[in-house]
């Protein structure tokens, strides 16, 4: 059986009554994965990301937020 050491990183309340948690999961042998858990009502989606996948996903989300028009830094006069 694989032993995991789970460390909480963040919890987020999302639009439309959804919730996300972000955790570091360290497996035997020192492998670290970023665990993203999305909760929508009673449904859960759990995704474990390696370092490269987490970096790519994070960069995509930042890029999207910069061009979406909902980022306060993109508002005129800011």
C-alpha atoms as a PDB file:
ATOM      1  CA  UNK A   1       0.000   0.000   0.000  1.00  0.00           C
ATOM      2  CA  UNK A   2       1.303   3.430  -0.938  1.00  0.00           C
ATOM      3  CA  UNK A   3       1.569   5.906   1.926  1.00  0.00           C
ATOM      4  CA  UNK A   4       0.761   9.525   1.075  1.00  0.00           C
ATOM      5  CA  UNK A   5       1.648  12.655   3.018  1.00  0.00           C
ATOM      6  CA  UNK A   6      -0.976  15.286   2.189  1.00  0.00           C
ATOM      7  CA  UNK A   7      -0.392  18.987   2.902  1.00  0.00           C
ATOM      8  CA  UNK A   8      -3.145  21.571   2.417  1.00  0.00           C
ATOM      9  CA  UNK A   9      -2.163  24.517   0.216  1.00  0.00           C
ATOM     10  CA  UNK A  10      -5.403  26.411  -0.416  1.00  0.00           C
ATOM     11  CA  UNK A  11      -9.190  26.291  -0.394  1.00  0.00           C
ATOM     12  CA  UNK A  12     -11.241  28.416  -2.761  1.00  0.00           C
ATOM     13  CA  UNK A  13     -14.921  29.238  -2.938  1.00  0.00           C
ATOM     14  CA  UNK A  14     -15.785  29.461  -6.623  1.00  0.00           C
ATOM     15  CA  UNK A  15     -18.721  30.946  -8.551  1.00  0.00           C
ATOM     16  CA  UNK A  16     -22.013  29.052  -8.688  1.00  0.00           C
ATOM     17  CA  UNK A  17     -21.582  27.475  -5.237  1.00  0.00           C
ATOM     18  CA  UNK A  18     -18.539  25.410  -6.209  1.00  0.00           C
ATOM     19  CA  UNK A  19     -15.449  24.729  -4.110  1.00  0.00           C
ATOM     20  CA  UNK A  20     -11.827  23.862  -4.888  1.00  0.00           C
ATOM     21  CA  UNK A  21      -9.006  22.555  -2.724  1.00  0.00           C
ATOM     22  CA  UNK A  22      -5.339  22.428  -3.642  1.00  0.00           C
ATOM     23  CA  UNK A  23      -2.986  20.048  -1.836  1.00  0.00           C
ATOM     24  CA  UNK A  24       0.543  18.737  -2.128  1.00  0.00           C
ATOM     25  CA  UNK A  25       0.672  14.948  -2.070  1.00  0.00           C
ATOM     26  CA  UNK A  26       4.027  13.311  -1.389  1.00  0.00           C
ATOM     27  CA  UNK A  27       4.190   9.629  -2.260  1.00  0.00           C
ATOM     28  CA  UNK A  28       6.753   7.075  -1.063  1.00  0.00           C
ATOM     29  CA  UNK A  29      10.016   7.713  -2.845  1.00  0.00           C
ATOM     30  CA  UNK A  30       9.595  11.493  -2.713  1.00  0.00           C
ATOM     31  CA  UNK A  31       7.294  11.984  -5.717  1.00  0.00           C
ATOM     32  CA  UNK A  32       5.222  15.178  -5.228  1.00  0.00           C
ATOM     33  CA  UNK A  33       1.969  15.821  -7.055  1.00  0.00           C
ATOM     34  CA  UNK A  34      -0.411  18.769  -6.888  1.00  0.00           C
ATOM     35  CA  UNK A  35      -3.902  17.472  -6.082  1.00  0.00           C
ATOM     36  CA  UNK A  36      -6.747  19.648  -7.326  1.00  0.00           C
ATOM     37  CA  UNK A  37     -10.173  18.710  -6.002  1.00  0.00           C
ATOM     38  CA  UNK A  38     -13.272  20.383  -7.453  1.00  0.00           C
ATOM     39  CA  UNK A  39     -16.596  19.995  -5.671  1.00  0.00           C
ATOM     40  CA  UNK A  40     -19.879  20.768  -7.360  1.00  0.00           C
ATOM     41  CA  UNK A  41     -22.776  19.769  -5.146  1.00  0.00           C
ATOM     42  CA  UNK A  42     -22.196  16.100  -4.308  1.00  0.00           C
ATOM     43  CA  UNK A  43     -19.919  15.500  -7.286  1.00  0.00           C
ATOM     44  CA  UNK A  44     -16.131  15.534  -6.872  1.00  0.00           C
ATOM     45  CA  UNK A  45     -13.418  15.667  -9.524  1.00  0.00           C
ATOM     46  CA  UNK A  46      -9.892  14.893  -8.327  1.00  0.00           C
ATOM     47  CA  UNK A  47      -6.855  15.504 -10.531  1.00  0.00           C
ATOM     48  CA  UNK A  48      -3.220  14.864  -9.592  1.00  0.00           C
ATOM     49  CA  UNK A  49      -0.772  17.003 -11.577  1.00  0.00           C
ATOM     50  CA  UNK A  50       2.980  16.633 -11.920  1.00  0.00           C
ATOM     51  CA  UNK A  51       5.193  19.728 -11.740  1.00  0.00           C
ATOM     52  CA  UNK A  52       5.201  20.368 -15.506  1.00  0.00           C
ATOM     53  CA  UNK A  53       1.450  19.902 -15.892  1.00  0.00           C
ATOM     54  CA  UNK A  54       0.729  22.186 -12.921  1.00  0.00           C
ATOM     55  CA  UNK A  55       3.033  24.870 -14.341  1.00  0.00           C
ATOM     56  CA  UNK A  56       1.396  24.695 -17.786  1.00  0.00           C
ATOM     57  CA  UNK A  57      -2.124  24.776 -16.342  1.00  0.00           C
ATOM     58  CA  UNK A  58      -1.206  27.680 -14.049  1.00  0.00           C
ATOM     59  CA  UNK A  59       0.297  29.668 -16.925  1.00  0.00           C
ATOM     60  CA  UNK A  60      -2.815  29.076 -19.039  1.00  0.00           C
ATOM     61  CA  UNK A  61      -5.077  30.290 -16.238  1.00  0.00           C
ATOM     62  CA  UNK A  62      -2.970  33.424 -15.676  1.00  0.00           C
ATOM     63  CA  UNK A  63      -2.957  34.162 -19.417  1.00  0.00           C
ATOM     64  CA  UNK A  64      -6.735  33.701 -19.583  1.00  0.00           C
ATOM     65  CA  UNK A  65      -7.291  36.005 -16.591  1.00  0.00           C
ATOM     66  CA  UNK A  66      -5.171  38.703 -18.226  1.00  0.00           C
ATOM     67  CA  UNK A  67      -7.256  38.769 -21.403  1.00  0.00           C
ATOM     68  CA  UNK A  68     -10.703  37.892 -20.042  1.00  0.00           C
ATOM     69  CA  UNK A  69     -11.683  41.457 -19.182  1.00  0.00           C
ATOM     70  CA  UNK A  70     -12.672  40.436 -15.643  1.00  0.00           C
ATOM     71  CA  UNK A  71      -9.226  41.112 -14.196  1.00  0.00           C
ATOM     72  CA  UNK A  72      -9.390  44.472 -12.331  1.00  0.00           C
ATOM     73  CA  UNK A  73      -5.892  45.314 -13.642  1.00  0.00           C
ATOM     74  CA  UNK A  74      -7.288  45.300 -17.190  1.00  0.00           C
ATOM     75  CA  UNK A  75     -10.013  47.829 -16.462  1.00  0.00           C
ATOM     76  CA  UNK A  76      -9.642  51.212 -18.097  1.00  0.00           C
ATOM     77  CA  UNK A  77      -8.035  53.738 -15.805  1.00  0.00           C
ATOM     78  CA  UNK A  78      -6.280  51.090 -13.713  1.00  0.00           C
END
